[in-house]
Amino acid sequence: MIELEADKVYLMIHADDAGLCHSENRATIKCLEKGSMNSCSVMVNCSGFQEMASYLKRNPRFDHGIHLTLTCEWHYKRFGPVLSPHEVPSLVDENGHFFKDRKTLLEKADPKEVKKEVNAQIRRGIEYGLNPSHIDSHMYSMGISREFFDIYRQAGKEFGIPVLINSGLLSD
């Protein structure tokens, strides 16, 4: 965790979707190293997770969080939960992938399964050795309902990790 001085103003330039795939990781790493951004958040359920997490463990000077992911908008790059799709069936389509949009997620998701998957994603990041400074939400999915938002805030409390909240999180 980076020590901040109370009397200074800081600018954070943050990028999400690290861990999505190799090319996303290369771009994120290049921006971190060149200083064009100073924070990222990692998708722990995607194919590039181990590559990005290993980099961040070797380079602890870079601020990073866990990018909680419950949707997959990509057509050719499909992914699903950390848990087995059988453990969280209301979060996935017939192929075991996350739904493409927030509307479908809201219509089908069981909040108990949302909590289970969110906690599993945070645990996976921590167990791999990440020291996240925050959690945030892919496609603002944790803000699609008051119940999901409460799960998000509670996860932050349970794991002792600040949650990133912005105006887009609770909008339609």
N, C-alpha and C. Protein backbone atom coordinates (compact mmCIF):
# COMPACT_ATOMS: atom_id res chain seq x y z
N MET A 1 0.85 -1.17 0.00
CA MET A 1 0.00 0.00 0.00
C MET A 1 0.90 1.24 0.00
N ILE A 2 0.54 2.22 -0.78
CA ILE A 2 1.31 3.45 -0.92
C ILE A 2 0.96 4.39 0.23
N GLU A 3 1.99 4.98 0.86
CA GLU A 3 1.80 5.96 1.92
C GLU A 3 1.51 7.31 1.28
N LEU A 4 0.42 7.95 1.68
CA LEU A 4 0.06 9.26 1.15
C LEU A 4 0.20 10.31 2.24
N GLU A 5 0.67 11.48 1.84
CA GLU A 5 0.78 12.59 2.78
C GLU A 5 -0.54 13.33 2.83
N ALA A 6 -1.01 13.63 4.04
CA ALA A 6 -2.34 14.21 4.24
C ALA A 6 -2.50 15.59 3.60
N ASP A 7 -1.44 16.38 3.52
CA ASP A 7 -1.56 17.75 3.04
C ASP A 7 -1.30 17.91 1.55
N LYS A 8 -1.19 16.83 0.82
CA LYS A 8 -0.94 16.89 -0.62
C LYS A 8 -2.18 16.49 -1.40
N VAL A 9 -2.28 16.99 -2.62
CA VAL A 9 -3.33 16.60 -3.55
C VAL A 9 -2.72 15.61 -4.54
N TYR A 10 -3.42 14.51 -4.79
CA TYR A 10 -2.93 13.46 -5.67
C TYR A 10 -3.89 13.26 -6.83
N LEU A 11 -3.35 12.92 -7.97
CA LEU A 11 -4.15 12.57 -9.14
C LEU A 11 -3.95 11.09 -9.42
N MET A 12 -5.05 10.36 -9.46
CA MET A 12 -4.98 8.95 -9.79
C MET A 12 -5.54 8.75 -11.20
N ILE A 13 -4.73 8.16 -12.06
CA ILE A 13 -5.19 7.79 -13.39
C ILE A 13 -5.27 6.27 -13.38
N HIS A 14 -6.50 5.81 -13.46
CA HIS A 14 -6.82 4.41 -13.20
C HIS A 14 -7.34 3.72 -14.46
N ALA A 15 -6.93 2.50 -14.67
CA ALA A 15 -7.45 1.70 -15.79
C ALA A 15 -7.95 0.37 -15.24
N ASP A 16 -9.05 -0.08 -15.80
CA ASP A 16 -9.56 -1.38 -15.38
C ASP A 16 -9.35 -2.40 -16.49
N ASP A 17 -9.83 -3.60 -16.27
CA ASP A 17 -9.76 -4.73 -17.21
C ASP A 17 -8.37 -5.35 -17.35
N ALA A 18 -7.41 -4.99 -16.48
CA ALA A 18 -6.14 -5.72 -16.48
C ALA A 18 -6.48 -7.17 -16.17
N GLY A 19 -5.74 -8.09 -16.73
CA GLY A 19 -6.01 -9.51 -16.53
C GLY A 19 -6.97 -10.10 -17.54
N LEU A 20 -7.58 -9.27 -18.37
CA LEU A 20 -8.51 -9.76 -19.39
C LEU A 20 -7.81 -10.74 -20.33
N CYS A 21 -6.67 -10.33 -20.85
CA CYS A 21 -5.91 -11.16 -21.79
C CYS A 21 -4.49 -10.60 -21.91
N HIS A 22 -3.65 -11.28 -22.63
CA HIS A 22 -2.24 -10.87 -22.76
C HIS A 22 -2.09 -9.46 -23.32
N SER A 23 -2.80 -9.13 -24.40
CA SER A 23 -2.64 -7.81 -25.02
C SER A 23 -3.09 -6.69 -24.07
N GLU A 24 -4.15 -6.91 -23.33
CA GLU A 24 -4.60 -5.92 -22.35
C GLU A 24 -3.53 -5.73 -21.27
N ASN A 25 -2.94 -6.83 -20.82
CA ASN A 25 -1.89 -6.75 -19.82
C ASN A 25 -0.68 -5.98 -20.34
N ARG A 26 -0.28 -6.25 -21.58
CA ARG A 26 0.89 -5.56 -22.15
C ARG A 26 0.64 -4.06 -22.19
N ALA A 27 -0.56 -3.66 -22.60
CA ALA A 27 -0.89 -2.23 -22.66
C ALA A 27 -0.91 -1.62 -21.26
N THR A 28 -1.49 -2.32 -20.30
CA THR A 28 -1.55 -1.82 -18.92
C THR A 28 -0.16 -1.67 -18.35
N ILE A 29 0.66 -2.68 -18.52
CA ILE A 29 2.03 -2.64 -18.00
C ILE A 29 2.82 -1.50 -18.63
N LYS A 30 2.70 -1.32 -19.91
CA LYS A 30 3.40 -0.24 -20.60
C LYS A 30 2.97 1.13 -20.04
N CYS A 31 1.69 1.33 -19.84
CA CYS A 31 1.20 2.60 -19.28
C CYS A 31 1.67 2.81 -17.84
N LEU A 32 1.66 1.75 -17.03
CA LEU A 32 2.16 1.87 -15.67
C LEU A 32 3.64 2.25 -15.67
N GLU A 33 4.42 1.57 -16.48
CA GLU A 33 5.86 1.81 -16.49
C GLU A 33 6.23 3.17 -17.07
N LYS A 34 5.46 3.66 -18.02
CA LYS A 34 5.74 4.98 -18.62
C LYS A 34 5.16 6.12 -17.78
N GLY A 35 4.32 5.78 -16.81
CA GLY A 35 3.75 6.80 -15.94
C GLY A 35 2.50 7.47 -16.48
N SER A 36 1.93 6.95 -17.56
CA SER A 36 0.71 7.57 -18.09
C SER A 36 -0.53 7.15 -17.29
N MET A 37 -0.38 6.17 -16.42
CA MET A 37 -1.40 5.85 -15.42
C MET A 37 -0.68 5.31 -14.19
N ASN A 38 -1.36 5.37 -13.05
CA ASN A 38 -0.70 4.95 -11.82
C ASN A 38 -1.52 3.98 -10.98
N SER A 39 -2.57 3.44 -11.58
CA SER A 39 -3.40 2.48 -10.86
C SER A 39 -4.16 1.62 -11.87
N CYS A 40 -4.41 0.38 -11.49
CA CYS A 40 -5.21 -0.50 -12.35
C CYS A 40 -6.02 -1.44 -11.46
N SER A 41 -7.00 -2.08 -12.08
CA SER A 41 -7.72 -3.12 -11.37
C SER A 41 -7.76 -4.37 -12.25
N VAL A 42 -7.70 -5.51 -11.59
CA VAL A 42 -7.47 -6.79 -12.25
C VAL A 42 -8.72 -7.67 -12.22
N MET A 43 -9.03 -8.24 -13.37
CA MET A 43 -10.11 -9.23 -13.49
C MET A 43 -9.50 -10.59 -13.13
N VAL A 44 -9.92 -11.17 -12.02
CA VAL A 44 -9.29 -12.40 -11.55
C VAL A 44 -9.84 -13.65 -12.21
N ASN A 45 -10.90 -13.51 -12.99
CA ASN A 45 -11.56 -14.66 -13.60
C ASN A 45 -11.23 -14.81 -15.09
N CYS A 46 -10.28 -14.06 -15.59
CA CYS A 46 -9.99 -14.07 -17.03
C CYS A 46 -8.63 -14.71 -17.32
N SER A 47 -8.40 -14.98 -18.59
CA SER A 47 -7.22 -15.75 -19.01
C SER A 47 -5.90 -15.06 -18.71
N GLY A 48 -5.88 -13.76 -18.60
CA GLY A 48 -4.63 -13.05 -18.34
C GLY A 48 -4.37 -12.76 -16.88
N PHE A 49 -5.20 -13.30 -15.99
CA PHE A 49 -5.06 -12.98 -14.56
C PHE A 49 -3.68 -13.32 -14.00
N GLN A 50 -3.22 -14.55 -14.20
CA GLN A 50 -1.95 -14.94 -13.58
C GLN A 50 -0.79 -14.10 -14.09
N GLU A 51 -0.78 -13.78 -15.37
CA GLU A 51 0.27 -12.94 -15.94
C GLU A 51 0.28 -11.57 -15.25
N MET A 52 -0.88 -10.93 -15.15
CA MET A 52 -0.94 -9.59 -14.57
C MET A 52 -0.67 -9.62 -13.08
N ALA A 53 -1.24 -10.60 -12.39
CA ALA A 53 -1.02 -10.69 -10.94
C ALA A 53 0.45 -10.95 -10.63
N SER A 54 1.11 -11.78 -11.41
CA SER A 54 2.54 -12.04 -11.20
C SER A 54 3.34 -10.76 -11.40
N TYR A 55 2.99 -9.99 -12.40
CA TYR A 55 3.68 -8.71 -12.64
C TYR A 55 3.50 -7.78 -11.44
N LEU A 56 2.28 -7.65 -10.97
CA LEU A 56 2.00 -6.74 -9.85
C LEU A 56 2.69 -7.20 -8.57
N LYS A 57 2.80 -8.49 -8.36
CA LYS A 57 3.53 -8.99 -7.19
C LYS A 57 5.01 -8.63 -7.28
N ARG A 58 5.57 -8.69 -8.49
CA ARG A 58 6.99 -8.34 -8.68
C ARG A 58 7.20 -6.83 -8.65
N ASN A 59 6.14 -6.06 -8.81
CA ASN A 59 6.22 -4.59 -8.89
C ASN A 59 5.22 -3.95 -7.93
N PRO A 60 5.43 -4.12 -6.63
CA PRO A 60 4.44 -3.66 -5.66
C PRO A 60 4.29 -2.13 -5.59
N ARG A 61 5.13 -1.40 -6.29
CA ARG A 61 5.00 0.06 -6.29
C ARG A 61 3.75 0.52 -7.03
N PHE A 62 3.17 -0.35 -7.86
CA PHE A 62 1.99 0.03 -8.63
C PHE A 62 0.71 -0.30 -7.87
N ASP A 63 -0.11 0.71 -7.69
CA ASP A 63 -1.40 0.55 -7.03
C ASP A 63 -2.30 -0.33 -7.89
N HIS A 64 -3.01 -1.22 -7.24
CA HIS A 64 -3.93 -2.09 -7.98
C HIS A 64 -5.08 -2.55 -7.09
N GLY A 65 -6.18 -2.84 -7.77
CA GLY A 65 -7.37 -3.34 -7.09
C GLY A 65 -7.89 -4.58 -7.80
N ILE A 66 -9.01 -5.07 -7.33
CA ILE A 66 -9.67 -6.21 -7.95
C ILE A 66 -10.93 -5.69 -8.65
N HIS A 67 -11.04 -6.02 -9.92
CA HIS A 67 -12.14 -5.56 -10.77
C HIS A 67 -13.22 -6.64 -10.76
N LEU A 68 -14.18 -6.50 -9.86
CA LEU A 68 -15.24 -7.50 -9.71
C LEU A 68 -16.04 -7.60 -11.00
N THR A 69 -16.15 -8.82 -11.51
CA THR A 69 -16.70 -9.04 -12.84
C THR A 69 -17.87 -10.02 -12.79
N LEU A 70 -19.04 -9.54 -13.23
CA LEU A 70 -20.24 -10.38 -13.28
C LEU A 70 -20.88 -10.38 -14.66
N THR A 71 -20.30 -9.66 -15.60
CA THR A 71 -20.81 -9.60 -16.97
C THR A 71 -19.64 -9.75 -17.94
N CYS A 72 -19.97 -10.17 -19.15
CA CYS A 72 -18.95 -10.31 -20.20
C CYS A 72 -19.56 -9.80 -21.51
N GLU A 73 -19.18 -8.60 -21.88
CA GLU A 73 -19.74 -7.96 -23.06
C GLU A 73 -19.10 -8.41 -24.37
N TRP A 74 -18.00 -9.12 -24.30
CA TRP A 74 -17.25 -9.51 -25.50
C TRP A 74 -17.97 -10.62 -26.27
N HIS A 75 -17.91 -10.55 -27.57
CA HIS A 75 -18.55 -11.57 -28.40
C HIS A 75 -17.64 -12.79 -28.59
N TYR A 76 -16.35 -12.55 -28.84
CA TYR A 76 -15.42 -13.65 -29.12
C TYR A 76 -14.50 -13.98 -27.94
N LYS A 77 -14.50 -13.19 -26.92
CA LYS A 77 -13.65 -13.41 -25.74
C LYS A 77 -14.58 -13.64 -24.56
N ARG A 78 -15.10 -14.84 -24.43
CA ARG A 78 -16.10 -15.14 -23.40
C ARG A 78 -15.42 -15.66 -22.12
N PHE A 79 -15.98 -15.29 -21.01
CA PHE A 79 -15.49 -15.78 -19.72
C PHE A 79 -16.64 -15.84 -18.74
N GLY A 80 -16.39 -16.52 -17.64
CA GLY A 80 -17.42 -16.71 -16.62
C GLY A 80 -16.85 -16.57 -15.23
N PRO A 81 -17.48 -17.19 -14.27
CA PRO A 81 -17.11 -17.02 -12.86
C PRO A 81 -15.83 -17.75 -12.45
N VAL A 82 -15.33 -17.34 -11.31
CA VAL A 82 -14.23 -18.05 -10.65
C VAL A 82 -14.76 -19.39 -10.14
N LEU A 83 -15.93 -19.36 -9.56
CA LEU A 83 -16.57 -20.58 -9.07
C LEU A 83 -17.06 -21.40 -10.25
N SER A 84 -17.35 -22.64 -10.02
CA SER A 84 -17.94 -23.49 -11.05
C SER A 84 -19.30 -22.91 -11.43
N PRO A 85 -19.63 -22.89 -12.72
CA PRO A 85 -20.96 -22.43 -13.11
C PRO A 85 -22.09 -23.17 -12.39
N HIS A 86 -21.85 -24.40 -11.95
CA HIS A 86 -22.85 -25.17 -11.21
C HIS A 86 -23.11 -24.59 -9.82
N GLU A 87 -22.10 -23.85 -9.29
CA GLU A 87 -22.26 -23.23 -7.97
C GLU A 87 -23.02 -21.91 -8.04
N VAL A 88 -22.99 -21.26 -9.21
CA VAL A 88 -23.64 -19.96 -9.38
C VAL A 88 -24.44 -19.94 -10.70
N PRO A 89 -25.38 -20.87 -10.86
CA PRO A 89 -26.08 -21.01 -12.15
C PRO A 89 -26.88 -19.79 -12.58
N SER A 90 -27.31 -18.96 -11.64
CA SER A 90 -28.11 -17.79 -12.03
C SER A 90 -27.25 -16.67 -12.64
N LEU A 91 -25.93 -16.84 -12.60
CA LEU A 91 -25.03 -15.80 -13.12
C LEU A 91 -24.53 -16.09 -14.53
N VAL A 92 -24.88 -17.25 -15.07
CA VAL A 92 -24.28 -17.67 -16.34
C VAL A 92 -25.32 -18.11 -17.36
N ASP A 93 -24.90 -18.07 -18.63
CA ASP A 93 -25.75 -18.57 -19.71
C ASP A 93 -25.57 -20.08 -19.86
N GLU A 94 -26.17 -20.64 -20.90
CA GLU A 94 -26.12 -22.10 -21.10
C GLU A 94 -24.72 -22.64 -21.36
N ASN A 95 -23.76 -21.76 -21.68
CA ASN A 95 -22.37 -22.18 -21.91
C ASN A 95 -21.46 -21.93 -20.70
N GLY A 96 -22.03 -21.44 -19.61
CA GLY A 96 -21.23 -21.16 -18.42
C GLY A 96 -20.53 -19.82 -18.45
N HIS A 97 -20.93 -18.95 -19.36
CA HIS A 97 -20.33 -17.61 -19.46
C HIS A 97 -21.25 -16.59 -18.80
N PHE A 98 -20.63 -15.50 -18.32
CA PHE A 98 -21.44 -14.41 -17.79
C PHE A 98 -22.33 -13.83 -18.89
N PHE A 99 -23.45 -13.24 -18.49
CA PHE A 99 -24.35 -12.56 -19.43
C PHE A 99 -23.65 -11.33 -20.00
N LYS A 100 -24.07 -10.92 -21.18
CA LYS A 100 -23.41 -9.81 -21.87
C LYS A 100 -23.78 -8.43 -21.35
N ASP A 101 -24.89 -8.32 -20.62
CA ASP A 101 -25.31 -6.98 -20.20
C ASP A 101 -25.87 -6.99 -18.78
N ARG A 102 -25.92 -5.81 -18.21
CA ARG A 102 -26.39 -5.62 -16.84
C ARG A 102 -27.88 -5.95 -16.70
N LYS A 103 -28.67 -5.65 -17.71
CA LYS A 103 -30.12 -5.89 -17.65
C LYS A 103 -30.40 -7.39 -17.44
N THR A 104 -29.74 -8.23 -18.23
CA THR A 104 -29.95 -9.68 -18.09
C THR A 104 -29.45 -10.16 -16.74
N LEU A 105 -28.31 -9.64 -16.32
CA LEU A 105 -27.79 -10.01 -15.00
C LEU A 105 -28.81 -9.68 -13.92
N LEU A 106 -29.37 -8.50 -13.96
CA LEU A 106 -30.35 -8.09 -12.95
C LEU A 106 -31.59 -8.99 -12.97
N GLU A 107 -32.03 -9.34 -14.17
CA GLU A 107 -33.23 -10.17 -14.30
C GLU A 107 -33.02 -11.59 -13.78
N LYS A 108 -31.83 -12.14 -13.93
CA LYS A 108 -31.61 -13.56 -13.66
C LYS A 108 -30.82 -13.87 -12.38
N ALA A 109 -30.01 -12.96 -11.93
CA ALA A 109 -29.06 -13.26 -10.84
C ALA A 109 -29.72 -13.38 -9.47
N ASP A 110 -29.34 -14.41 -8.76
CA ASP A 110 -29.72 -14.61 -7.37
C ASP A 110 -28.68 -13.86 -6.52
N PRO A 111 -29.11 -12.89 -5.72
CA PRO A 111 -28.15 -12.13 -4.91
C PRO A 111 -27.24 -12.99 -4.04
N LYS A 112 -27.73 -14.14 -3.57
CA LYS A 112 -26.87 -15.03 -2.77
C LYS A 112 -25.70 -15.54 -3.61
N GLU A 113 -25.96 -15.81 -4.88
CA GLU A 113 -24.90 -16.27 -5.77
C GLU A 113 -23.97 -15.12 -6.16
N VAL A 114 -24.51 -13.92 -6.27
CA VAL A 114 -23.66 -12.75 -6.52
C VAL A 114 -22.66 -12.60 -5.38
N LYS A 115 -23.14 -12.65 -4.15
CA LYS A 115 -22.26 -12.52 -2.98
C LYS A 115 -21.20 -13.62 -2.98
N LYS A 116 -21.62 -14.82 -3.27
CA LYS A 116 -20.70 -15.97 -3.28
C LYS A 116 -19.59 -15.76 -4.32
N GLU A 117 -19.95 -15.33 -5.51
CA GLU A 117 -18.96 -15.11 -6.58
C GLU A 117 -18.07 -13.91 -6.29
N VAL A 118 -18.64 -12.83 -5.80
CA VAL A 118 -17.85 -11.64 -5.46
C VAL A 118 -16.79 -12.01 -4.42
N ASN A 119 -17.19 -12.70 -3.38
CA ASN A 119 -16.25 -13.11 -2.34
C ASN A 119 -15.18 -14.04 -2.90
N ALA A 120 -15.56 -14.93 -3.80
CA ALA A 120 -14.60 -15.86 -4.40
C ALA A 120 -13.58 -15.10 -5.26
N GLN A 121 -14.02 -14.08 -5.97
CA GLN A 121 -13.09 -13.30 -6.78
C GLN A 121 -12.09 -12.55 -5.90
N ILE A 122 -12.57 -11.95 -4.83
CA ILE A 122 -11.65 -11.24 -3.93
C ILE A 122 -10.67 -12.23 -3.30
N ARG A 123 -11.18 -13.35 -2.82
CA ARG A 123 -10.30 -14.36 -2.21
C ARG A 123 -9.25 -14.84 -3.21
N ARG A 124 -9.66 -15.07 -4.46
CA ARG A 124 -8.70 -15.55 -5.46
C ARG A 124 -7.54 -14.55 -5.63
N GLY A 125 -7.86 -13.27 -5.72
CA GLY A 125 -6.81 -12.27 -5.84
C GLY A 125 -5.88 -12.25 -4.65
N ILE A 126 -6.45 -12.27 -3.47
CA ILE A 126 -5.64 -12.23 -2.24
C ILE A 126 -4.82 -13.51 -2.10
N GLU A 127 -5.43 -14.65 -2.35
CA GLU A 127 -4.71 -15.92 -2.23
C GLU A 127 -3.57 -16.03 -3.24
N TYR A 128 -3.70 -15.37 -4.37
CA TYR A 128 -2.62 -15.37 -5.35
C TYR A 128 -1.48 -14.45 -4.93
N GLY A 129 -1.73 -13.60 -3.96
CA GLY A 129 -0.68 -12.73 -3.44
C GLY A 129 -0.86 -11.26 -3.74
N LEU A 130 -2.01 -10.88 -4.30
CA LEU A 130 -2.25 -9.46 -4.52
C LEU A 130 -2.56 -8.78 -3.20
N ASN A 131 -2.24 -7.50 -3.13
CA ASN A 131 -2.55 -6.67 -1.97
C ASN A 131 -3.40 -5.51 -2.48
N PRO A 132 -4.67 -5.76 -2.76
CA PRO A 132 -5.49 -4.74 -3.42
C PRO A 132 -5.75 -3.52 -2.55
N SER A 133 -5.63 -2.34 -3.18
CA SER A 133 -5.93 -1.10 -2.49
C SER A 133 -7.42 -0.78 -2.55
N HIS A 134 -8.14 -1.48 -3.44
CA HIS A 134 -9.57 -1.20 -3.62
C HIS A 134 -10.22 -2.34 -4.41
N ILE A 135 -11.54 -2.33 -4.41
CA ILE A 135 -12.30 -3.15 -5.35
C ILE A 135 -13.15 -2.19 -6.18
N ASP A 136 -13.39 -2.57 -7.42
CA ASP A 136 -14.29 -1.81 -8.27
C ASP A 136 -15.11 -2.79 -9.09
N SER A 137 -15.93 -2.28 -10.00
CA SER A 137 -16.95 -3.11 -10.60
C SER A 137 -16.95 -2.99 -12.12
N HIS A 138 -16.75 -4.11 -12.80
CA HIS A 138 -16.78 -4.16 -14.26
C HIS A 138 -18.18 -3.80 -14.76
N MET A 139 -18.23 -2.89 -15.71
CA MET A 139 -19.50 -2.42 -16.29
C MET A 139 -20.47 -1.91 -15.22
N TYR A 140 -19.92 -1.50 -14.08
CA TYR A 140 -20.72 -0.98 -12.96
C TYR A 140 -21.80 -1.97 -12.51
N SER A 141 -21.55 -3.26 -12.69
CA SER A 141 -22.57 -4.26 -12.37
C SER A 141 -22.97 -4.29 -10.90
N MET A 142 -22.09 -3.90 -10.02
CA MET A 142 -22.43 -3.92 -8.60
C MET A 142 -23.37 -2.78 -8.22
N GLY A 143 -23.69 -1.91 -9.16
CA GLY A 143 -24.61 -0.82 -8.90
C GLY A 143 -25.97 -0.97 -9.57
N ILE A 144 -26.28 -2.15 -10.09
CA ILE A 144 -27.54 -2.29 -10.83
C ILE A 144 -28.76 -2.37 -9.92
N SER A 145 -28.54 -2.58 -8.65
CA SER A 145 -29.66 -2.57 -7.69
C SER A 145 -29.09 -2.23 -6.31
N ARG A 146 -29.96 -1.83 -5.43
CA ARG A 146 -29.55 -1.52 -4.06
C ARG A 146 -28.99 -2.79 -3.40
N GLU A 147 -29.59 -3.94 -3.69
CA GLU A 147 -29.14 -5.20 -3.09
C GLU A 147 -27.71 -5.55 -3.55
N PHE A 148 -27.43 -5.38 -4.84
CA PHE A 148 -26.08 -5.64 -5.34
C PHE A 148 -25.09 -4.65 -4.74
N PHE A 149 -25.51 -3.38 -4.66
CA PHE A 149 -24.64 -2.36 -4.09
C PHE A 149 -24.30 -2.68 -2.63
N ASP A 150 -25.29 -3.15 -1.89
CA ASP A 150 -25.04 -3.53 -0.49
C ASP A 150 -24.07 -4.72 -0.40
N ILE A 151 -24.18 -5.67 -1.32
CA ILE A 151 -23.24 -6.81 -1.37
C ILE A 151 -21.83 -6.28 -1.62
N TYR A 152 -21.70 -5.35 -2.53
CA TYR A 152 -20.42 -4.71 -2.88
C TYR A 152 -19.79 -4.03 -1.65
N ARG A 153 -20.58 -3.19 -1.00
CA ARG A 153 -20.08 -2.48 0.19
C ARG A 153 -19.72 -3.46 1.30
N GLN A 154 -20.56 -4.48 1.50
CA GLN A 154 -20.30 -5.47 2.54
C GLN A 154 -19.02 -6.26 2.26
N ALA A 155 -18.79 -6.58 1.00
CA ALA A 155 -17.55 -7.29 0.64
C ALA A 155 -16.33 -6.44 1.00
N GLY A 156 -16.42 -5.16 0.72
CA GLY A 156 -15.32 -4.26 1.10
C GLY A 156 -15.07 -4.29 2.59
N LYS A 157 -16.15 -4.24 3.38
CA LYS A 157 -16.01 -4.28 4.84
C LYS A 157 -15.44 -5.61 5.30
N GLU A 158 -15.98 -6.71 4.77
CA GLU A 158 -15.54 -8.04 5.21
C GLU A 158 -14.06 -8.28 4.93
N PHE A 159 -13.57 -7.79 3.80
CA PHE A 159 -12.18 -8.01 3.43
C PHE A 159 -11.28 -6.84 3.82
N GLY A 160 -11.87 -5.78 4.36
CA GLY A 160 -11.08 -4.61 4.76
C GLY A 160 -10.46 -3.88 3.57
N ILE A 161 -11.21 -3.82 2.46
CA ILE A 161 -10.71 -3.19 1.24
C ILE A 161 -11.69 -2.07 0.85
N PRO A 162 -11.19 -0.86 0.63
CA PRO A 162 -12.08 0.22 0.18
C PRO A 162 -12.76 -0.12 -1.14
N VAL A 163 -13.99 0.36 -1.31
CA VAL A 163 -14.73 0.17 -2.55
C VAL A 163 -14.70 1.48 -3.34
N LEU A 164 -14.50 1.35 -4.64
CA LEU A 164 -14.51 2.51 -5.52
C LEU A 164 -15.95 2.81 -5.88
N ILE A 165 -16.37 4.02 -5.58
CA ILE A 165 -17.74 4.44 -5.87
C ILE A 165 -17.64 5.72 -6.69
N ASN A 166 -18.38 5.75 -7.81
CA ASN A 166 -18.46 6.97 -8.61
C ASN A 166 -19.89 7.11 -9.11
N SER A 167 -20.17 8.22 -9.77
CA SER A 167 -21.54 8.50 -10.20
C SER A 167 -22.07 7.47 -11.17
N GLY A 168 -21.21 6.82 -11.97
CA GLY A 168 -21.66 5.83 -12.93
C GLY A 168 -22.13 4.54 -12.28
N LEU A 169 -21.68 4.27 -11.08
CA LEU A 169 -21.99 3.00 -10.42
C LEU A 169 -23.48 2.81 -10.20
N LEU A 170 -24.17 3.86 -9.80
CA LEU A 170 -25.58 3.72 -9.47
C LEU A 170 -26.51 4.27 -10.55
N SER A 171 -25.97 4.52 -11.74
CA SER A 171 -26.83 5.02 -12.80
C SER A 171 -27.30 3.90 -13.71
N ASP A 172 -28.33 4.16 -14.50
CA ASP A 172 -28.85 3.16 -15.44
C ASP A 172 -28.01 3.09 -16.69
